[in-house]
Amino acid sequence: MPIGTFPVRVQSIGKESEEIKSYILADPSGEPLPEYLAGAHVDVYLENGLIRQFSLCGSDADRRHYRIGVLREVAGAGGSEYFFKHVKVGDMLTISEPKNLFKLSPDAQRHLLIAGGIGITPILSMIYQLERQNADYVIHYCARSLQAAAFRQDLKSLVPPNQLNFHFDGGDPKFGLDLKAILGAVIPGTHLYYCGPPSLMAAANAGSSHWPEGTVHCEHFSADSLDKSKIDASPGNGEFQVRLASSGSEFTIPSNRSIVEVLRENGVFVDTSCEEGFCGTCLTRYLEGEPMHRDQILDDDDRDEYVLICCARSKTPRLLLDL
């Protein structure tokens, strides 16, 4: 079992929409699960060799269960199909401890939540936390139809009617959510959180470009939704050294190879999934040096401590990694 992982049992499976199922996971011996905050996700290690990330969409106050939502993607890489075809109640899964790259801001006076499709999963966990804190928030949830809107019963039971907005476009983007109107006026103290398919991510990114720095938060489920213009493309693609704190081993990272590739070639195992800098599976603490971050998911606080080694380079001659 990979370091930092543990087993869970599938306690129940629910149908949340036409194409989305929920899976309730629990410790096989009934022990409390590791703590997490709203917006967190776990890596799930599947028996077909894939590692996939799923947001925790239950209440972070519930230490007995984790709940994840899985969208069936027939044209995907096989992770969701494996879940739908093979994972049954009573099965054991291996998962990582929760990781959080999509946190609620403690500085926000109010919260604007926007979700599309399966993007409701991290947003739903936020709602549980916001309700518990009696916080000021509003949510806009976009789906193709009422039947395609996952966790709608949770939303209706949790969210006051005047704070809950469903938007159904029938599959035609021209009838979608008017993000320009919603994001046009910025109320001081408001923070924006959004997650969904690439089209929504692009529109929300464009619509919030005038918001104050540090008030916009998002989570990507696909590299297709990344704004490549925001990724650091400054000079720094040259050769550099990576040193591992645990062993003192040092490796040269040439200009045409990633840190992960070189480490693997030298027998250092590193978990990865997307290898494009958006899933967070390879998140690693660095101890010395200055990384050149090539991802778009870490915030400034995260970047002071962590780096995604599938895509990052180095601005300094050497990086010391906590590996």
Protein backbone atom coordinates (compact mmCIF):
# COMPACT_ATOMS: atom_id res chain seq x y z
CA MET A 1 0.00 0.00 0.00
CA PRO A 2 1.50 3.41 -1.00
CA ILE A 3 2.76 5.68 1.79
CA GLY A 4 0.07 8.00 3.16
CA THR A 5 -2.81 5.77 2.11
CA PHE A 6 -5.26 3.60 4.03
CA PRO A 7 -8.11 1.16 3.32
CA VAL A 8 -11.80 2.03 3.38
CA ARG A 9 -14.89 -0.06 2.81
CA VAL A 10 -17.70 0.95 0.44
CA GLN A 11 -20.64 1.22 2.81
CA SER A 12 -23.31 2.27 0.34
CA ILE A 13 -23.84 3.48 -3.22
CA GLY A 14 -26.50 5.98 -4.26
CA LYS A 15 -27.76 7.32 -7.58
CA GLU A 16 -27.57 11.10 -7.44
CA SER A 17 -28.50 11.90 -11.05
CA GLU A 18 -28.70 10.29 -14.48
CA GLU A 19 -24.91 9.93 -14.70
CA ILE A 20 -23.59 10.47 -11.18
CA LYS A 21 -23.35 8.00 -8.30
CA SER A 22 -22.29 8.64 -4.72
CA TYR A 23 -20.12 6.25 -2.72
CA ILE A 24 -20.08 6.29 1.08
CA LEU A 25 -16.71 5.13 2.44
CA ALA A 26 -15.90 4.11 6.01
CA ASP A 27 -13.03 2.68 8.02
CA PRO A 28 -13.38 -1.14 7.96
CA SER A 29 -12.97 -1.33 11.75
CA GLY A 30 -15.26 1.60 12.49
CA GLU A 31 -12.50 4.00 13.54
CA PRO A 32 -12.81 7.74 12.81
CA LEU A 33 -11.43 8.83 9.46
CA PRO A 34 -8.77 11.57 9.12
CA GLU A 35 -10.03 15.12 9.50
CA TYR A 36 -10.49 17.40 6.51
CA LEU A 37 -11.88 20.82 5.64
CA ALA A 38 -14.48 21.63 3.00
CA GLY A 39 -13.09 21.55 -0.55
CA ALA A 40 -10.75 18.61 0.08
CA HIS A 41 -10.31 15.60 -2.18
CA VAL A 42 -8.80 12.13 -1.92
CA ASP A 43 -6.79 10.05 -4.37
CA VAL A 44 -8.41 6.68 -5.02
CA TYR A 45 -6.11 3.84 -6.10
CA LEU A 46 -8.02 1.53 -8.42
CA GLU A 47 -7.18 -2.10 -9.08
CA ASN A 48 -6.80 -1.35 -12.80
CA GLY A 49 -3.74 0.75 -11.91
CA LEU A 50 -5.34 4.18 -12.24
CA ILE A 51 -5.24 6.85 -9.55
CA ARG A 52 -8.19 9.22 -9.62
CA GLN A 53 -9.13 12.26 -7.53
CA PHE A 54 -12.59 12.70 -6.06
CA SER A 55 -13.85 15.60 -3.97
CA LEU A 56 -15.29 14.83 -0.57
CA CYS A 57 -18.88 16.00 -0.78
CA GLY A 58 -20.24 15.16 2.66
CA SER A 59 -20.01 17.13 5.88
CA ASP A 60 -16.47 17.65 7.15
CA ALA A 61 -17.92 17.32 10.67
CA ASP A 62 -18.69 13.63 10.00
CA ARG A 63 -15.57 11.62 10.89
CA ARG A 64 -17.33 8.28 10.37
CA HIS A 65 -17.82 8.56 6.61
CA TYR A 66 -16.39 10.04 3.47
CA ARG A 67 -18.72 10.62 0.51
CA ILE A 68 -17.51 11.02 -3.06
CA GLY A 69 -19.42 11.59 -6.28
CA VAL A 70 -18.44 9.87 -9.52
CA LEU A 71 -19.55 11.03 -12.98
CA ARG A 72 -19.70 8.29 -15.57
CA GLU A 73 -17.49 9.30 -18.50
CA VAL A 74 -17.65 6.66 -21.21
CA ALA A 75 -15.01 8.45 -23.29
CA GLY A 76 -12.70 8.97 -20.30
CA ALA A 77 -9.53 7.12 -19.33
CA GLY A 78 -11.38 4.36 -17.50
CA GLY A 79 -11.56 5.54 -13.90
CA SER A 80 -15.28 6.28 -13.75
CA GLU A 81 -16.16 3.24 -15.86
CA TYR A 82 -14.26 1.07 -13.39
CA PHE A 83 -16.28 2.51 -10.53
CA PHE A 84 -19.61 2.01 -12.27
CA LYS A 85 -18.86 -1.53 -13.45
CA HIS A 86 -16.76 -3.03 -10.68
CA VAL A 87 -17.04 -1.22 -7.33
CA LYS A 88 -19.75 -2.76 -5.14
CA VAL A 89 -21.02 -2.33 -1.61
CA GLY A 90 -18.61 -4.10 0.75
CA ASP A 91 -15.59 -3.69 -1.52
CA MET A 92 -12.33 -2.37 -0.12
CA LEU A 93 -10.62 0.65 -1.69
CA THR A 94 -7.27 2.28 -1.03
CA ILE A 95 -7.37 6.05 -0.68
CA SER A 96 -4.99 8.85 0.30
CA GLU A 97 -5.41 11.16 3.23
CA PRO A 98 -7.48 14.21 2.25
CA LYS A 99 -5.70 17.00 0.38
CA ASN A 100 -7.11 20.50 0.08
CA LEU A 101 -6.28 22.94 -2.71
CA PHE A 102 -9.75 24.55 -2.73
CA LYS A 103 -10.35 25.99 0.73
CA LEU A 104 -12.97 28.42 1.98
CA SER A 105 -11.28 31.70 2.80
CA PRO A 106 -11.36 32.69 6.48
CA ASP A 107 -11.18 36.33 5.36
CA ALA A 108 -14.44 36.28 3.39
CA GLN A 109 -17.48 38.11 4.70
CA ARG A 110 -19.73 36.43 2.15
CA HIS A 111 -19.33 33.60 -0.35
CA LEU A 112 -20.51 33.27 -3.96
CA LEU A 113 -20.55 29.61 -5.06
CA ILE A 114 -20.89 28.53 -8.70
CA ALA A 115 -20.98 24.87 -9.77
CA GLY A 116 -21.59 23.02 -12.99
CA GLY A 117 -22.37 19.29 -13.23
CA ILE A 118 -20.03 17.14 -11.15
CA GLY A 119 -18.41 20.38 -9.97
CA ILE A 120 -21.08 20.48 -7.28
CA THR A 121 -19.10 17.96 -5.20
CA PRO A 122 -16.52 20.26 -3.58
CA ILE A 123 -19.08 23.07 -3.45
CA LEU A 124 -21.49 20.84 -1.53
CA SER A 125 -18.92 20.21 1.18
CA MET A 126 -18.46 23.98 1.43
CA ILE A 127 -22.18 24.43 1.95
CA TYR A 128 -22.15 22.01 4.89
CA GLN A 129 -19.41 24.07 6.51
CA LEU A 130 -21.03 27.43 5.71
CA GLU A 131 -24.37 26.30 7.11
CA ARG A 132 -22.69 25.14 10.30
CA GLN A 133 -21.03 28.56 10.61
CA ASN A 134 -24.26 30.41 9.76
CA ALA A 135 -22.28 32.19 7.03
CA ASP A 136 -23.55 34.50 4.31
CA TYR A 137 -23.52 32.70 0.95
CA VAL A 138 -25.43 32.07 -2.26
CA ILE A 139 -25.07 29.22 -4.77
CA HIS A 140 -25.73 28.95 -8.49
CA TYR A 141 -25.81 25.36 -9.77
CA CYS A 142 -25.85 24.69 -13.51
CA ALA A 143 -26.93 21.41 -15.11
CA ARG A 144 -28.44 20.17 -18.32
CA SER A 145 -31.79 19.37 -16.65
CA LEU A 146 -33.36 18.71 -13.28
CA GLN A 147 -32.62 15.00 -13.70
CA ALA A 148 -28.96 15.77 -14.40
CA ALA A 149 -28.54 17.91 -11.26
CA ALA A 150 -26.76 15.74 -8.69
CA PHE A 151 -27.35 16.02 -4.93
CA ARG A 152 -30.36 18.26 -5.50
CA GLN A 153 -32.18 16.82 -2.48
CA ASP A 154 -29.17 17.62 -0.28
CA LEU A 155 -29.15 21.15 -1.64
CA LYS A 156 -32.87 21.67 -1.13
CA SER A 157 -32.71 20.43 2.44
CA LEU A 158 -29.53 22.37 3.32
CA VAL A 159 -29.81 25.70 1.53
CA PRO A 160 -32.49 28.33 2.25
CA PRO A 161 -34.62 28.83 -0.91
CA ASN A 162 -33.54 32.46 -1.36
CA GLN A 163 -29.87 31.37 -1.49
CA LEU A 164 -30.26 28.43 -3.91
CA ASN A 165 -30.39 28.97 -7.67
CA PHE A 166 -30.71 26.13 -10.21
CA HIS A 167 -29.96 26.84 -13.88
CA PHE A 168 -30.93 24.28 -16.57
CA ASP A 169 -29.74 24.95 -20.13
CA GLY A 170 -31.06 21.83 -21.89
CA GLY A 171 -27.57 21.20 -23.23
CA ASP A 172 -27.46 24.50 -25.12
CA PRO A 173 -24.79 26.89 -23.78
CA LYS A 174 -26.67 29.95 -25.02
CA PHE A 175 -29.28 29.27 -22.34
CA GLY A 176 -26.64 28.89 -19.66
CA LEU A 177 -25.90 30.96 -16.60
CA ASP A 178 -25.25 34.67 -17.29
CA LEU A 179 -21.89 34.84 -15.52
CA LYS A 180 -21.15 38.33 -16.81
CA ALA A 181 -24.19 39.65 -14.97
CA ILE A 182 -23.55 37.63 -11.79
CA LEU A 183 -19.86 38.49 -11.60
CA GLY A 184 -20.02 42.03 -12.95
CA ALA A 185 -20.50 43.89 -9.67
CA VAL A 186 -18.05 43.01 -6.89
CA ILE A 187 -19.41 43.45 -3.38
CA PRO A 188 -16.50 44.16 -1.00
CA GLY A 189 -15.72 41.21 1.26
CA THR A 190 -17.14 38.64 -1.18
CA HIS A 191 -15.10 35.63 -2.29
CA LEU A 192 -15.93 33.58 -5.39
CA TYR A 193 -15.60 29.78 -5.64
CA TYR A 194 -16.32 27.89 -8.85
CA CYS A 195 -15.92 24.38 -10.24
CA GLY A 196 -17.32 22.62 -13.28
CA PRO A 197 -16.74 21.70 -16.93
CA PRO A 198 -14.21 23.59 -19.10
CA SER A 199 -16.83 25.92 -20.61
CA LEU A 200 -18.00 27.11 -17.20
CA MET A 201 -14.43 27.42 -15.92
CA ALA A 202 -13.43 29.57 -18.88
CA ALA A 203 -16.49 31.79 -18.56
CA ALA A 204 -16.09 32.22 -14.79
CA ASN A 205 -12.39 32.98 -15.20
CA ALA A 206 -13.12 35.65 -17.80
CA GLY A 207 -16.05 37.07 -15.85
CA SER A 208 -14.05 37.43 -12.64
CA SER A 209 -10.89 38.92 -14.15
CA HIS A 210 -11.64 42.27 -12.49
CA TRP A 211 -12.16 40.82 -9.00
CA PRO A 212 -9.57 41.76 -6.35
CA GLU A 213 -6.54 39.51 -6.05
CA GLY A 214 -7.04 36.66 -3.60
CA THR A 215 -10.84 36.68 -3.76
CA VAL A 216 -11.30 34.14 -6.58
CA HIS A 217 -10.89 30.41 -5.93
CA CYS A 218 -11.48 27.49 -8.29
CA GLU A 219 -10.79 23.80 -8.77
CA HIS A 220 -10.12 22.18 -12.13
CA PHE A 221 -11.22 18.65 -13.04
CA SER A 222 -9.46 18.79 -16.40
CA ALA A 223 -6.35 20.40 -17.85
CA ASP A 224 -8.61 21.61 -20.69
CA SER A 225 -10.07 24.20 -18.31
CA LEU A 226 -6.74 25.73 -17.28
CA ASP A 227 -5.95 29.25 -18.39
CA LYS A 228 -2.52 28.62 -19.89
CA SER A 229 -1.79 32.36 -19.96
CA LYS A 230 -1.57 32.35 -16.16
CA ILE A 231 1.06 29.63 -16.00
CA ASP A 232 4.58 30.89 -15.38
CA ALA A 233 6.37 30.80 -18.72
CA SER A 234 9.39 32.89 -17.75
CA PRO A 235 12.90 31.63 -18.51
CA GLY A 236 13.92 28.70 -16.38
CA ASN A 237 13.65 25.60 -18.52
CA GLY A 238 17.34 24.85 -18.17
CA GLU A 239 19.00 22.06 -16.24
CA PHE A 240 18.84 22.02 -12.43
CA GLN A 241 19.45 19.67 -9.50
CA VAL A 242 16.95 18.00 -7.19
CA ARG A 243 18.07 16.66 -3.84
CA LEU A 244 16.02 14.33 -1.63
CA ALA A 245 16.04 15.19 2.07
CA SER A 246 15.58 11.61 3.26
CA SER A 247 18.58 10.09 1.49
CA GLY A 248 20.69 13.00 0.31
CA SER A 249 20.51 11.61 -3.23
CA GLU A 250 20.85 14.25 -5.91
CA PHE A 251 19.62 14.07 -9.50
CA THR A 252 20.08 16.25 -12.56
CA ILE A 253 16.83 17.35 -14.20
CA PRO A 254 17.57 18.13 -17.87
CA SER A 255 15.61 20.73 -19.78
CA ASN A 256 13.49 18.14 -21.57
CA ARG A 257 12.57 15.93 -18.59
CA SER A 258 10.29 16.40 -15.60
CA ILE A 259 11.30 15.89 -11.98
CA VAL A 260 8.91 12.93 -11.75
CA GLU A 261 10.40 11.25 -14.82
CA VAL A 262 13.95 11.49 -13.51
CA LEU A 263 13.02 10.29 -10.02
CA ARG A 264 11.22 7.25 -11.43
CA GLU A 265 14.15 6.36 -13.63
CA ASN A 266 16.27 6.28 -10.50
CA GLY A 267 13.92 4.07 -8.51
CA VAL A 268 12.13 6.79 -6.54
CA PHE A 269 8.40 6.07 -6.67
CA VAL A 270 6.09 9.08 -6.93
CA ASP A 271 2.31 8.87 -7.27
CA THR A 272 0.92 10.78 -10.23
CA SER A 273 -2.35 10.90 -12.10
CA CYS A 274 -2.77 13.74 -14.60
CA GLU A 275 0.93 14.74 -14.91
CA GLU A 276 -0.32 18.10 -16.21
CA GLY A 277 -0.34 20.07 -12.97
CA PHE A 278 -4.02 20.18 -12.07
CA CYS A 279 -4.87 17.13 -9.92
CA GLY A 280 -2.44 17.60 -7.02
CA THR A 281 -1.48 13.93 -6.67
CA CYS A 282 2.25 14.69 -6.82
CA LEU A 283 2.07 17.56 -4.32
CA THR A 284 5.43 17.65 -2.54
CA ARG A 285 6.88 19.86 0.17
CA TYR A 286 10.13 21.63 -0.73
CA LEU A 287 12.66 22.73 1.89
CA GLU A 288 15.18 24.83 -0.04
CA GLY A 289 15.34 26.56 -3.40
CA GLU A 290 12.77 28.49 -5.41
CA PRO A 291 10.47 26.47 -7.66
CA MET A 292 9.10 27.71 -10.93
CA HIS A 293 5.48 26.69 -10.54
CA ARG A 294 3.92 25.50 -13.79
CA ASP A 295 0.55 24.61 -12.28
CA GLN A 296 -2.49 26.84 -11.90
CA ILE A 297 -4.06 25.27 -8.82
CA LEU A 298 -1.80 26.21 -5.91
CA ASP A 299 -2.45 29.53 -4.20
CA ASP A 300 0.30 31.77 -2.87
CA ASP A 301 0.25 30.20 0.59
CA ASP A 302 0.52 26.69 -0.89
CA ARG A 303 3.41 27.77 -3.12
CA ASP A 304 5.38 28.94 -0.12
CA GLU A 305 5.57 25.31 0.98
CA TYR A 306 4.60 22.93 -1.82
CA VAL A 307 5.30 22.21 -5.48
CA LEU A 308 3.74 19.91 -8.08
CA ILE A 309 6.75 17.98 -9.29
CA CYS A 310 5.10 16.63 -12.43
CA CYS A 311 5.40 20.01 -14.12
CA ALA A 312 7.47 22.45 -12.00
CA ARG A 313 10.95 23.64 -12.85
CA SER A 314 13.41 25.57 -10.67
CA LYS A 315 14.53 29.19 -10.61
CA THR A 316 17.49 28.23 -8.44
CA PRO A 317 20.29 25.73 -9.27
CA ARG A 318 18.93 23.23 -6.72
CA LEU A 319 15.63 22.22 -5.09
CA LEU A 320 15.62 20.28 -1.85
CA LEU A 321 12.48 18.11 -1.70
CA ASP A 322 10.94 16.55 1.40
CA LEU A 323 11.11 13.07 -0.12
